[in-house]
N, C-alpha and C. Protein backbone atom coordinates (compact mmCIF):
# COMPACT_ATOMS: atom_id res chain seq x y z
N UNK A 1 0.85 -1.29 -0.34
CA UNK A 1 -0.08 -0.06 -0.11
C UNK A 1 0.72 1.17 -0.04
N UNK A 2 2.01 0.89 0.74
CA UNK A 2 2.94 2.31 0.85
C UNK A 2 3.55 2.36 -0.52
N UNK A 3 3.94 1.46 -1.18
CA UNK A 3 4.38 1.56 -2.61
C UNK A 3 3.42 2.31 -3.53
N UNK A 4 2.33 1.96 -3.37
CA UNK A 4 1.21 2.24 -4.02
C UNK A 4 0.99 3.53 -4.00
N UNK A 5 1.07 4.33 -2.79
CA UNK A 5 1.21 5.56 -2.45
C UNK A 5 2.29 6.42 -2.80
N UNK A 6 3.69 5.86 -3.08
CA UNK A 6 4.68 6.28 -3.56
C UNK A 6 4.62 6.73 -4.97
N UNK A 7 3.50 5.87 -5.65
CA UNK A 7 3.66 6.45 -7.19
C UNK A 7 2.99 7.57 -7.68
N UNK A 8 2.35 7.88 -6.32
CA UNK A 8 1.60 9.34 -6.36
C UNK A 8 2.40 10.60 -5.68
N UNK A 9 3.65 10.20 -5.73
CA UNK A 9 4.53 11.55 -4.99
C UNK A 9 4.36 12.67 -5.84
N UNK A 10 4.51 13.62 -5.19
CA UNK A 10 4.45 15.28 -5.84
C UNK A 10 5.34 15.03 -7.21
N UNK A 11 6.51 14.47 -7.42
CA UNK A 11 7.17 14.13 -8.74
C UNK A 11 6.29 13.80 -9.70
N UNK A 12 5.61 12.59 -9.41
CA UNK A 12 4.82 12.00 -10.12
C UNK A 12 3.72 12.82 -10.67
N UNK A 13 3.11 13.51 -9.52
CA UNK A 13 1.98 14.38 -10.13
C UNK A 13 2.41 15.31 -11.02
N UNK A 14 3.66 16.06 -10.71
CA UNK A 14 4.34 16.95 -11.72
C UNK A 14 4.52 16.38 -12.98
N UNK A 15 5.01 15.20 -13.23
CA UNK A 15 5.07 14.64 -14.39
C UNK A 15 3.63 14.50 -15.22
N UNK A 16 2.55 14.01 -14.44
CA UNK A 16 1.41 13.92 -14.94
C UNK A 16 0.64 15.03 -15.43
N UNK A 17 0.88 16.14 -14.63
CA UNK A 17 0.57 17.35 -14.99
C UNK A 17 0.92 17.63 -16.03
N UNK A 18 2.20 17.63 -16.12
CA UNK A 18 2.90 18.27 -17.46
C UNK A 18 2.29 17.37 -18.60
N UNK A 19 2.21 16.21 -18.56
CA UNK A 19 1.53 15.34 -19.65
C UNK A 19 0.59 15.79 -19.99
N UNK A 20 -0.40 16.09 -18.88
CA UNK A 20 -1.87 16.45 -19.40
C UNK A 20 -1.80 17.84 -19.94
N UNK A 21 -1.22 18.82 -19.44
CA UNK A 21 -0.86 20.05 -20.18
C UNK A 21 -0.28 20.02 -21.67
N UNK A 22 0.68 19.08 -21.92
CA UNK A 22 1.09 18.89 -23.39
C UNK A 22 0.04 18.29 -24.07
N UNK A 23 -0.43 17.20 -23.56
CA UNK A 23 -1.82 16.81 -24.39
C UNK A 23 -2.82 17.84 -24.78
N UNK A 24 -2.94 18.72 -23.83
CA UNK A 24 -4.15 19.62 -24.07
C UNK A 24 -3.56 20.71 -25.18
N UNK A 25 -2.32 20.95 -24.85
CA UNK A 25 -1.80 21.80 -25.92
C UNK A 25 -1.77 21.26 -27.19
N UNK A 26 -1.34 20.01 -27.49
CA UNK A 26 -1.50 19.31 -28.46
C UNK A 26 -2.95 19.12 -29.34
N UNK A 27 -3.94 18.59 -28.38
CA UNK A 27 -5.36 18.83 -28.64
C UNK A 27 -5.67 19.94 -29.52
N UNK A 28 -5.16 21.18 -28.37
CA UNK A 28 -5.84 22.35 -29.00
C UNK A 28 -4.84 22.81 -30.47
N UNK A 29 -3.77 22.73 -30.32
CA UNK A 29 -3.08 22.79 -31.58
C UNK A 29 -3.57 22.19 -32.83
N UNK A 30 -3.98 20.93 -32.58
CA UNK A 30 -4.25 20.14 -33.72
C UNK A 30 -5.87 20.72 -34.13
N UNK A 31 -6.83 21.18 -33.35
CA UNK A 31 -8.09 21.64 -33.48
C UNK A 31 -7.66 22.94 -34.12
N UNK A 32 -6.92 23.88 -33.83
CA UNK A 32 -6.68 24.98 -34.29
C UNK A 32 -6.01 24.89 -35.80
N UNK A 33 -5.32 23.89 -36.13
CA UNK A 33 -4.77 23.72 -37.18
C UNK A 33 -6.05 23.14 -38.35
N UNK A 34 -6.82 22.25 -37.45
CA UNK A 34 -7.98 21.87 -38.63
C UNK A 34 -8.89 22.92 -38.91
N UNK A 35 -8.92 23.69 -37.90
CA UNK A 35 -9.90 25.08 -38.04
C UNK A 35 -9.30 25.97 -39.08
N UNK A 36 -8.04 26.14 -39.11
CA UNK A 36 -7.50 27.07 -39.76
C UNK A 36 -7.39 26.54 -41.15
N UNK A 37 -7.11 25.24 -41.64
CA UNK A 37 -7.10 24.52 -42.72
C UNK A 37 -8.70 24.65 -43.34
N UNK A 38 -9.55 24.44 -42.39
CA UNK A 38 -10.83 24.32 -43.14
C UNK A 38 -11.24 25.94 -43.51
N UNK A 39 -10.87 26.71 -42.65
CA UNK A 39 -11.14 28.08 -43.19
C UNK A 39 -10.30 28.89 -44.34
N UNK A 40 -9.08 28.18 -44.35
CA UNK A 40 -8.33 28.41 -45.84
C UNK A 40 -8.72 27.80 -47.03
N UNK A 41 -9.14 26.58 -46.71
CA UNK A 41 -9.71 25.62 -48.08
C UNK A 41 -11.08 26.55 -48.10
N UNK A 42 -12.06 26.91 -47.24
CA UNK A 42 -12.99 27.79 -47.82
C UNK A 42 -12.80 28.78 -48.48
N UNK A 43 -11.98 29.60 -48.01
CA UNK A 43 -11.64 30.91 -48.69
C UNK A 43 -11.00 30.49 -50.03
N UNK A 44 -10.13 29.78 -49.86
CA UNK A 44 -9.32 29.29 -51.38
C UNK A 44 -10.65 28.91 -52.14
N UNK A 45 -11.66 28.16 -51.89
CA UNK A 45 -12.80 27.80 -52.81
C UNK A 45 -13.49 29.03 -53.17
N UNK A 46 -13.56 29.88 -52.05
CA UNK A 46 -14.30 31.14 -52.56
C UNK A 46 -13.63 32.05 -53.62
N UNK A 47 -12.33 32.12 -53.29
CA UNK A 47 -11.41 33.02 -54.12
C UNK A 47 -11.63 32.48 -55.57
N UNK A 48 -11.19 31.00 -55.81
CA UNK A 48 -11.26 30.32 -56.97
C UNK A 48 -12.55 30.55 -57.68
N UNK A 49 -13.50 30.37 -56.89
CA UNK A 49 -14.93 30.60 -57.33
C UNK A 49 -14.80 32.13 -58.12
N UNK A 50 -14.74 32.95 -57.11
CA UNK A 50 -14.74 34.29 -57.58
C UNK A 50 -13.90 34.60 -59.09
N UNK A 51 -12.66 34.09 -58.98
CA UNK A 51 -11.57 34.04 -60.09
C UNK A 51 -12.40 33.42 -61.36
N UNK A 52 -12.78 32.20 -61.08
CA UNK A 52 -13.60 31.70 -62.34
C UNK A 52 -14.84 32.41 -62.94
N UNK A 53 -15.45 33.01 -61.89
CA UNK A 53 -16.76 33.88 -62.20
C UNK A 53 -16.17 35.36 -63.23
N UNK A 54 -15.05 36.11 -62.80
CA UNK A 54 -14.42 36.96 -63.23
C UNK A 54 -14.01 36.59 -64.41
N UNK A 55 -13.31 35.45 -64.80
CA UNK A 55 -12.73 35.21 -65.87
C UNK A 55 -13.89 34.82 -67.05
N UNK A 56 -14.86 34.14 -66.43
CA UNK A 56 -15.83 34.13 -67.58
C UNK A 56 -16.45 35.30 -67.82
N UNK A 57 -16.56 36.27 -66.98
CA UNK A 57 -17.32 37.27 -67.45
C UNK A 57 -16.41 38.35 -68.19
N UNK A 58 -15.06 38.14 -68.03
CA UNK A 58 -14.05 38.87 -69.11
C UNK A 58 -14.18 38.04 -70.24
N UNK A 59 -14.10 36.86 -70.13
CA UNK A 59 -14.20 36.23 -71.68
C UNK A 59 -15.44 36.67 -72.40
N UNK A 60 -16.41 36.62 -71.76
CA UNK A 60 -17.60 37.01 -72.39
C UNK A 60 -17.78 38.46 -72.94
N UNK A 61 -17.16 39.28 -72.00
CA UNK A 61 -16.93 40.48 -72.71
C UNK A 61 -16.34 40.58 -73.56
N UNK A 62 -14.92 39.97 -73.85
CA UNK A 62 -14.27 40.01 -74.96
C UNK A 62 -14.94 39.22 -76.31
N UNK A 63 -15.63 38.34 -75.88
CA UNK A 63 -16.50 37.82 -77.01
C UNK A 63 -17.32 38.68 -77.48
N UNK A 64 -18.22 39.32 -76.88
CA UNK A 64 -19.03 40.39 -77.12
C UNK A 64 -18.48 41.51 -77.81
N UNK A 65 -17.33 41.91 -77.55
CA UNK A 65 -16.46 43.12 -78.16
C UNK A 65 -16.08 42.53 -79.44
N UNK A 66 -15.71 41.54 -79.48
CA UNK A 66 -15.07 40.77 -80.75
C UNK A 66 -16.41 40.89 -81.87
N UNK A 67 -17.55 40.37 -81.09
CA UNK A 67 -18.61 40.00 -82.19
C UNK A 67 -19.06 41.56 -82.41
N UNK A 68 -18.98 42.62 -81.77
CA UNK A 68 -19.44 44.03 -82.21
C UNK A 68 -18.39 44.36 -82.98
N UNK A 69 -17.05 44.25 -83.17
CA UNK A 69 -15.98 44.77 -84.05
C UNK A 69 -16.17 43.97 -85.34
N UNK A 70 -16.52 42.51 -85.20
CA UNK A 70 -16.59 41.79 -86.51
C UNK A 70 -17.79 42.32 -87.21
N UNK A 71 -19.00 42.57 -86.63
CA UNK A 71 -20.16 43.17 -87.12
C UNK A 71 -19.95 44.53 -87.67
N UNK A 72 -19.21 45.32 -87.05
CA UNK A 72 -19.01 46.78 -87.61
C UNK A 72 -17.97 46.58 -88.91
N UNK A 73 -17.04 45.77 -88.66
CA UNK A 73 -16.09 45.54 -89.78
C UNK A 73 -16.81 45.02 -91.19
N UNK A 74 -17.86 44.12 -90.90
CA UNK A 74 -18.55 43.55 -91.94
C UNK A 74 -19.40 44.71 -92.51
N UNK A 75 -19.94 45.86 -91.56
CA UNK A 75 -20.77 46.62 -92.13
C UNK A 75 -19.93 47.70 -93.24
N UNK A 76 -18.55 47.94 -92.46
CA UNK A 76 -17.79 48.78 -93.15
C UNK A 76 -17.49 48.48 -94.45
N UNK A 77 -16.98 46.84 -94.78
CA UNK A 77 -16.80 46.31 -95.60
C UNK A 77 -17.68 46.46 -96.81
N UNK A 78 -19.06 46.14 -96.57
CA UNK A 78 -20.23 46.38 -97.17
C UNK A 78 -20.42 47.58 -97.93
N UNK A 79 -20.13 48.65 -96.88
CA UNK A 79 -20.33 50.16 -97.26
C UNK A 79 -19.29 50.45 -98.50
N UNK A 80 -18.12 49.78 -98.05
CA UNK A 80 -16.88 50.27 -98.87
C UNK A 80 -17.10 49.33 -100.37
N UNK A 81 -17.69 48.20 -100.36
CA UNK A 81 -17.91 47.44 -101.37
C UNK A 81 -19.21 48.21 -102.18
N UNK A 82 -20.17 48.83 -101.87
CA UNK A 82 -21.22 49.22 -102.30
C UNK A 82 -20.66 50.58 -102.88
N UNK A 83 -19.84 51.50 -102.30
CA UNK A 83 -18.99 52.58 -102.82
C UNK A 83 -18.18 52.22 -104.11
N UNK A 84 -17.47 51.11 -103.86
CA UNK A 84 -16.70 50.70 -104.90
C UNK A 84 -17.29 50.24 -105.94
N UNK A 85 -18.50 49.56 -105.84
CA UNK A 85 -19.36 49.28 -107.10
C UNK A 85 -20.10 50.48 -107.59
N UNK A 86 -20.54 51.37 -106.74
CA UNK A 86 -21.08 52.44 -107.41
C UNK A 86 -19.99 53.38 -108.27
N UNK A 87 -18.92 53.51 -107.81
CA UNK A 87 -17.86 54.19 -108.62
C UNK A 87 -17.46 53.44 -109.90
N UNK A 88 -17.29 51.94 -109.74
CA UNK A 88 -16.99 51.19 -110.88
C UNK A 88 -18.10 51.17 -111.71
N UNK A 89 -19.51 51.40 -111.49
CA UNK A 89 -20.72 51.51 -112.37
C UNK A 89 -20.66 52.92 -113.02
N UNK A 90 -20.25 54.05 -112.20
CA UNK A 90 -20.07 55.49 -112.76
C UNK A 90 -18.84 55.44 -113.96
N UNK A 91 -17.78 54.82 -113.59
CA UNK A 91 -16.60 54.68 -114.42
C UNK A 91 -17.29 53.91 -115.67
N UNK A 92 -17.73 52.76 -115.60
CA UNK A 92 -18.39 52.16 -116.76
C UNK A 92 -19.36 52.93 -117.73
N UNK A 93 -20.23 53.64 -116.91
CA UNK A 93 -21.23 54.62 -117.62
C UNK A 93 -20.39 55.54 -118.32
N UNK A 94 -19.15 56.18 -117.71
CA UNK A 94 -18.58 57.34 -118.62
C UNK A 94 -17.78 56.51 -119.58
N UNK A 95 -17.11 55.40 -119.61
CA UNK A 95 -16.63 54.97 -120.73
C UNK A 95 -17.44 54.82 -121.85
N UNK A 96 -18.86 54.23 -121.47
CA UNK A 96 -19.58 53.97 -122.53
C UNK A 96 -19.95 55.37 -123.35
N UNK A 97 -20.23 56.53 -122.19
CA UNK A 97 -20.52 57.69 -123.07
C UNK A 97 -19.33 57.86 -123.90
N UNK A 98 -18.31 58.16 -123.40
CA UNK A 98 -16.82 58.56 -124.42
C UNK A 98 -16.84 57.54 -125.51
N UNK A 99 -16.99 56.10 -125.45
CA UNK A 99 -17.18 55.33 -126.66
C UNK A 99 -18.00 55.57 -127.60
N UNK A 100 -19.17 56.26 -127.21
CA UNK A 100 -20.45 56.64 -127.85
C UNK A 100 -20.00 57.94 -128.65
N UNK A 101 -19.20 58.89 -127.81
CA UNK A 101 -19.00 60.20 -128.41
C UNK A 101 -18.03 59.84 -129.40
N UNK A 102 -16.82 59.14 -129.13
CA UNK A 102 -15.85 58.66 -130.19
C UNK A 102 -16.25 57.91 -131.39
N UNK A 103 -17.18 57.21 -131.24
CA UNK A 103 -17.92 56.40 -132.55
C UNK A 103 -18.67 57.66 -133.18
N UNK A 104 -19.13 58.26 -132.55
CA UNK A 104 -20.09 59.36 -133.40
C UNK A 104 -19.13 60.52 -134.11
N UNK A 105 -18.19 60.75 -133.41
CA UNK A 105 -17.12 61.95 -133.85
C UNK A 105 -16.28 61.09 -135.14
N UNK A 106 -16.03 59.78 -135.05
CA UNK A 106 -15.25 59.20 -135.89
C UNK A 106 -16.20 59.12 -137.18
N UNK A 107 -17.45 58.86 -137.32
CA UNK A 107 -18.08 58.79 -138.11
C UNK A 107 -18.54 60.14 -139.17
N UNK A 108 -18.00 61.23 -138.37
CA UNK A 108 -17.93 62.66 -139.01
C UNK A 108 -16.79 62.91 -139.78
N UNK A 109 -15.68 61.86 -139.69
CA UNK A 109 -14.34 62.49 -139.83
C UNK A 109 -14.34 62.86 -141.63
N UNK A 110 -15.07 61.55 -142.11
CA UNK A 110 -15.03 61.46 -143.49
C UNK A 110 -15.67 62.74 -144.05
N UNK A 111 -16.82 62.95 -143.59
CA UNK A 111 -17.45 64.17 -144.06
C UNK A 111 -16.66 65.50 -143.97
N UNK A 112 -16.05 65.59 -142.84
CA UNK A 112 -15.34 67.01 -142.57
C UNK A 112 -14.14 66.78 -142.89
N UNK A 113 -13.62 65.79 -143.68
CA UNK A 113 -12.39 66.04 -144.18
C UNK A 113 -12.35 65.78 -145.80
N UNK A 114 -13.27 65.68 -146.41
CA UNK A 114 -13.69 65.61 -147.81
C UNK A 114 -13.77 66.80 -148.78
N UNK A 115 -14.91 67.47 -148.25
CA UNK A 115 -15.46 68.74 -149.03
C UNK A 115 -15.10 69.75 -148.01
N UNK A 116 -15.39 71.16 -148.77
CA UNK A 116 -15.23 72.32 -147.81
C UNK A 116 -15.93 73.29 -148.87
N UNK A 117 -16.47 74.28 -148.47
CA UNK A 117 -17.28 75.50 -149.28
C UNK A 117 -16.19 76.99 -148.73
N UNK A 118 -16.19 77.56 -149.80
CA UNK A 118 -15.40 78.99 -149.66
C UNK A 118 -16.20 79.90 -148.81
N UNK A 119 -17.67 79.65 -149.20
CA UNK A 119 -18.59 80.70 -148.49
C UNK A 119 -19.70 79.82 -148.39
N UNK A 120 -20.75 80.13 -147.53
CA UNK A 120 -21.88 79.51 -147.59
C UNK A 120 -22.81 79.17 -148.48
N UNK A 121 -22.53 80.18 -149.51
CA UNK A 121 -23.50 80.05 -150.82
C UNK A 121 -22.56 79.82 -151.90
N UNK A 122 -21.37 79.09 -151.70
CA UNK A 122 -20.66 78.50 -152.70
C UNK A 122 -20.94 77.10 -152.78
N UNK A 123 -20.33 76.50 -153.77
CA UNK A 123 -20.48 75.12 -154.00
C UNK A 123 -19.46 74.31 -153.33
N UNK A 124 -20.08 72.84 -152.73
CA UNK A 124 -18.77 72.34 -152.02
C UNK A 124 -17.79 71.76 -153.14
N UNK A 125 -16.79 71.86 -152.69
CA UNK A 125 -15.40 71.28 -153.71
C UNK A 125 -14.70 70.59 -152.74
N UNK A 126 -13.85 69.71 -153.44
CA UNK A 126 -12.75 69.01 -152.69
C UNK A 126 -11.71 69.51 -151.81
N UNK A 127 -11.62 68.95 -150.84
CA UNK A 127 -10.80 69.80 -149.57
C UNK A 127 -9.40 69.55 -150.06
N UNK A 128 -8.55 70.54 -150.21
CA UNK A 128 -7.38 70.63 -150.66
C UNK A 128 -6.47 69.72 -149.60
N UNK A 129 -5.48 69.04 -149.84
CA UNK A 129 -4.85 68.02 -149.05
C UNK A 129 -3.96 69.06 -148.17
N UNK A 130 -3.72 68.57 -146.95
CA UNK A 130 -2.75 69.42 -146.10
C UNK A 130 -1.44 68.66 -145.94
N UNK A 131 -0.40 69.22 -146.13
CA UNK A 131 0.91 68.22 -145.90
C UNK A 131 1.46 68.65 -144.37
N UNK A 132 1.53 67.13 -143.94
CA UNK A 132 1.86 67.20 -142.60
C UNK A 132 3.34 66.48 -142.74
N UNK A 133 4.33 67.42 -142.22
CA UNK A 133 5.48 67.03 -142.25
C UNK A 133 6.16 65.60 -141.17
N UNK A 134 7.26 64.90 -141.82
CA UNK A 134 7.48 63.83 -140.71
C UNK A 134 7.77 64.55 -139.56
N UNK A 135 8.71 65.78 -139.64
CA UNK A 135 8.68 66.50 -138.16
C UNK A 135 7.32 66.78 -137.32
N UNK A 136 6.37 67.16 -137.81
CA UNK A 136 4.94 67.41 -137.31
C UNK A 136 4.58 65.93 -136.59
N UNK A 137 4.55 64.88 -137.52
CA UNK A 137 3.95 63.83 -136.79
C UNK A 137 4.96 63.27 -135.69
N UNK A 138 6.24 63.47 -135.89
CA UNK A 138 7.19 62.88 -134.72
C UNK A 138 6.72 63.83 -133.38
N UNK A 139 6.66 65.12 -133.58
CA UNK A 139 6.42 65.95 -132.33
C UNK A 139 4.93 65.78 -131.83
N UNK A 140 3.97 65.48 -132.65
CA UNK A 140 2.54 64.96 -132.54
C UNK A 140 2.42 63.69 -131.54
N UNK A 141 3.16 62.70 -132.02
CA UNK A 141 3.42 61.35 -131.42
C UNK A 141 4.01 61.45 -129.98
N UNK A 142 5.20 62.30 -130.05
CA UNK A 142 6.01 62.22 -128.91
C UNK A 142 5.22 63.04 -127.74
N UNK A 143 4.45 64.14 -128.23
CA UNK A 143 3.69 64.85 -127.15
C UNK A 143 2.44 63.77 -126.53
N UNK A 144 2.14 62.75 -127.34
CA UNK A 144 0.95 61.98 -126.60
C UNK A 144 1.55 60.66 -126.35
N UNK A 145 3.17 60.64 -126.02
CA UNK A 145 3.82 59.76 -125.39
C UNK A 145 3.92 58.06 -126.06
N UNK A 146 3.84 58.61 -127.72
CA UNK A 146 4.18 57.30 -128.52
C UNK A 146 5.70 57.61 -128.86
N UNK A 147 6.23 56.24 -128.61
CA UNK A 147 7.52 56.13 -128.99
C UNK A 147 7.70 56.44 -130.83
N UNK A 148 8.69 57.20 -131.11
CA UNK A 148 9.04 57.36 -132.33
C UNK A 148 10.49 56.67 -132.93
N UNK A 149 10.82 55.84 -132.08
CA UNK A 149 12.29 54.99 -132.38
C UNK A 149 12.09 54.46 -133.53
N UNK A 150 10.74 53.64 -134.17
CA UNK A 150 10.50 52.83 -135.18
C UNK A 150 9.01 53.28 -135.93
N UNK A 151 9.17 53.19 -137.20
CA UNK A 151 7.96 53.56 -138.04
C UNK A 151 6.89 52.44 -137.55
N UNK A 152 5.66 53.13 -137.26
CA UNK A 152 4.42 51.99 -136.93
C UNK A 152 3.33 52.60 -137.81
N UNK A 153 3.38 52.14 -138.97
CA UNK A 153 2.04 52.49 -139.93
C UNK A 153 0.80 52.00 -139.31
N UNK A 154 0.66 51.13 -138.49
CA UNK A 154 -0.52 50.40 -138.00
C UNK A 154 -0.68 50.55 -136.58
N UNK A 155 0.04 51.84 -136.14
CA UNK A 155 -0.15 52.12 -134.46
C UNK A 155 -1.55 52.47 -134.17
N UNK A 156 -2.00 52.05 -133.00
CA UNK A 156 -3.30 52.48 -132.38
C UNK A 156 -3.62 53.73 -132.52
N UNK A 157 -2.48 54.62 -132.74
CA UNK A 157 -3.22 56.18 -132.67
C UNK A 157 -3.49 56.42 -134.03
N UNK A 158 -3.48 55.71 -134.89
CA UNK A 158 -4.02 55.92 -136.25
C UNK A 158 -3.21 56.75 -137.43
N UNK A 159 -2.15 56.97 -136.88
CA UNK A 159 -0.99 57.92 -137.47
C UNK A 159 0.20 57.16 -137.73
N UNK A 160 0.57 56.88 -138.91
CA UNK A 160 1.86 56.28 -139.15
C UNK A 160 3.06 57.00 -138.35
N UNK A 161 3.97 56.51 -137.74
CA UNK A 161 5.10 57.18 -137.06
C UNK A 161 6.43 57.29 -137.88
N UNK A 162 6.96 58.28 -138.22
CA UNK A 162 8.11 58.20 -139.07
C UNK A 162 9.27 58.03 -138.10
N UNK A 163 10.40 57.55 -138.67
CA UNK A 163 11.65 57.39 -137.81
C UNK A 163 11.92 58.68 -137.14
N UNK A 164 12.42 58.49 -135.94
CA UNK A 164 12.66 59.73 -135.34
C UNK A 164 14.06 60.41 -135.90
N UNK A 165 13.96 61.80 -135.82
CA UNK A 165 15.17 62.57 -136.38
C UNK A 165 14.82 63.70 -136.58
N UNK A 166 15.82 64.48 -136.81
CA UNK A 166 15.80 66.21 -137.05
C UNK A 166 16.29 66.65 -138.49
N UNK A 167 16.09 67.58 -138.75
CA UNK A 167 16.77 68.17 -140.03
C UNK A 167 15.98 67.80 -141.10
N UNK A 168 16.66 67.48 -142.37
CA UNK A 168 16.02 67.48 -143.57
C UNK A 168 14.92 66.46 -143.57
N UNK A 169 15.01 65.32 -142.75
CA UNK A 169 13.97 64.07 -142.54
C UNK A 169 13.02 64.63 -142.13
N UNK A 170 12.79 65.65 -141.27
CA UNK A 170 11.81 66.09 -140.58
C UNK A 170 10.96 66.78 -141.50
N UNK A 171 11.45 67.36 -142.72
CA UNK A 171 10.83 67.96 -143.59
C UNK A 171 10.13 67.63 -144.67
N UNK A 172 10.17 66.11 -144.66
CA UNK A 172 9.71 65.49 -145.91
C UNK A 172 7.88 65.24 -145.40
N UNK A 173 7.27 65.14 -146.51
CA UNK A 173 5.89 64.64 -146.19
C UNK A 173 5.55 63.42 -145.71
N UNK A 174 4.89 63.33 -144.58
CA UNK A 174 4.60 62.11 -143.81
C UNK A 174 3.65 61.06 -144.56
N UNK A 175 2.85 61.65 -145.42
CA UNK A 175 2.04 61.01 -146.16
C UNK A 175 0.62 60.95 -145.26
N UNK A 176 0.79 61.43 -143.96
CA UNK A 176 -0.51 61.63 -143.19
C UNK A 176 -1.47 62.48 -143.51
N UNK A 177 -2.54 62.39 -143.57
CA UNK A 177 -3.69 63.19 -144.06
C UNK A 177 -4.52 63.70 -142.87
N UNK A 178 -5.23 64.72 -143.14
CA UNK A 178 -6.18 65.26 -142.30
C UNK A 178 -7.04 64.25 -141.49
N UNK A 179 -7.56 63.57 -142.59
CA UNK A 179 -8.66 62.58 -141.71
C UNK A 179 -7.82 61.52 -140.75
N UNK A 180 -6.54 61.54 -140.78
CA UNK A 180 -5.75 60.61 -139.91
C UNK A 180 -5.48 61.25 -138.64
N UNK A 181 -5.05 62.63 -138.95
CA UNK A 181 -4.84 63.48 -137.71
C UNK A 181 -5.91 63.77 -136.87
N UNK A 182 -7.22 63.64 -137.46
CA UNK A 182 -8.50 63.85 -136.68
C UNK A 182 -8.90 62.83 -135.91
N UNK A 183 -8.75 61.56 -136.59
CA UNK A 183 -8.75 60.18 -136.23
C UNK A 183 -7.93 60.28 -134.91
N UNK A 184 -6.81 60.30 -134.76
CA UNK A 184 -5.86 60.22 -133.85
C UNK A 184 -6.18 61.16 -132.81
N UNK A 185 -6.57 62.37 -132.92
CA UNK A 185 -7.25 63.40 -131.94
C UNK A 185 -8.49 62.95 -131.13
N UNK A 186 -9.33 62.38 -131.91
CA UNK A 186 -10.55 61.65 -131.32
C UNK A 186 -10.11 60.62 -130.50
N UNK A 187 -9.65 59.65 -130.82
CA UNK A 187 -9.12 58.51 -129.93
C UNK A 187 -8.13 58.98 -128.99
N UNK A 188 -7.29 59.94 -128.89
CA UNK A 188 -6.66 60.47 -127.70
C UNK A 188 -7.44 61.02 -126.94
N UNK A 189 -8.66 61.79 -127.45
CA UNK A 189 -9.34 62.40 -126.22
C UNK A 189 -10.20 61.39 -125.72
N UNK A 190 -10.66 60.38 -126.14
CA UNK A 190 -11.07 59.31 -125.41
C UNK A 190 -10.37 58.70 -124.36
N UNK A 191 -9.01 58.49 -124.81
CA UNK A 191 -8.29 57.88 -123.82
C UNK A 191 -8.06 58.93 -122.78
N UNK A 192 -7.88 60.31 -123.03
CA UNK A 192 -7.66 61.19 -121.97
C UNK A 192 -8.66 61.59 -121.03
N UNK A 193 -9.87 61.31 -121.43
CA UNK A 193 -11.06 61.66 -120.99
C UNK A 193 -11.38 60.27 -119.95
N UNK A 194 -11.06 59.32 -120.59
CA UNK A 194 -11.11 57.97 -119.48
C UNK A 194 -10.12 58.05 -118.54
N UNK A 195 -8.69 58.35 -118.67
CA UNK A 195 -7.86 58.63 -117.81
C UNK A 195 -8.44 59.55 -116.46
N UNK A 196 -8.81 60.66 -117.06
CA UNK A 196 -9.25 61.94 -116.08
C UNK A 196 -10.60 61.35 -115.52
N UNK A 197 -11.41 60.54 -115.89
CA UNK A 197 -12.38 60.16 -115.03
C UNK A 197 -12.15 58.95 -114.01
N UNK A 198 -10.98 58.15 -114.44
CA UNK A 198 -10.41 56.99 -113.53
C UNK A 198 -9.83 57.76 -112.25
N UNK A 199 -9.16 59.03 -112.50
CA UNK A 199 -8.41 59.74 -111.35
C UNK A 199 -9.60 60.44 -110.57
N UNK A 200 -10.46 61.05 -111.13
CA UNK A 200 -11.74 61.49 -110.31
C UNK A 200 -12.36 60.49 -109.38
N UNK A 201 -12.61 59.25 -110.09
CA UNK A 201 -12.97 58.07 -109.26
C UNK A 201 -12.27 57.96 -108.02
N UNK A 202 -10.64 57.78 -108.29
CA UNK A 202 -9.89 57.57 -107.26
C UNK A 202 -9.57 58.69 -106.41
N UNK A 203 -9.89 59.77 -106.76
CA UNK A 203 -10.06 60.85 -105.78
C UNK A 203 -11.30 60.90 -104.83
N UNK A 204 -12.21 60.61 -105.38
CA UNK A 204 -13.36 60.30 -104.66
C UNK A 204 -13.43 59.36 -103.69
N UNK A 205 -13.00 58.35 -103.97
CA UNK A 205 -12.59 57.07 -103.17
C UNK A 205 -11.92 57.27 -101.97
N UNK A 206 -10.52 58.17 -102.29
CA UNK A 206 -9.70 58.19 -101.32
C UNK A 206 -10.51 59.54 -100.30
N UNK A 207 -11.11 60.43 -100.92
CA UNK A 207 -11.71 61.28 -100.02
C UNK A 207 -12.87 60.63 -99.07
N UNK A 208 -13.68 59.80 -99.60
CA UNK A 208 -14.66 58.92 -99.11
C UNK A 208 -13.99 57.99 -97.78
N UNK A 209 -12.80 57.34 -98.13
CA UNK A 209 -12.36 56.88 -97.04
C UNK A 209 -11.59 57.44 -95.98
N UNK A 210 -11.17 58.81 -96.21
CA UNK A 210 -10.76 59.57 -95.04
C UNK A 210 -11.81 60.23 -94.32
N UNK A 211 -12.91 60.16 -94.56
CA UNK A 211 -14.29 60.71 -93.94
C UNK A 211 -14.64 59.78 -93.04
């Protein structure tokens, strides 16, 4: 019995108390750890959920912005296409008008280069031939951007091009008549008018694009 009481000496009680305190601290620490982990996990889930929601909203906003931009781009493209089609149609109409004008004037060349009257009450007589020197034709073609390096009797200008040169050769009769000169002028006028119309359309296109 005495030995049994010796087991509960002050030292033993002290050790036991320390053990109880350590155990209590351990339990308290474990509970705090568990509570902290649970709280952190809950906050982490909340944060992750908020981030997912924010990302989804941002992605939706980007998708909406992209859709609006694509719709606007498509509308702008259609507008530009309509402008282009309108300008192309106007240019085509202008070319048709110029071609009709050229054909009309070409049909009058023979009449206005064959007969003439000395006065309104005079009888018509054959139109005297005009001499256009080789130099005249050379200068004429050069002014119209036509190469004069080689003779081109069948050139699209309607005027045979003599060899380039100056001096005596320029003073020879080129063989070109009034009808050929007038035909050349009518054709050049159509080309120049077409270029002018194309340039005006280009200016209109540029001005519309900058507005």
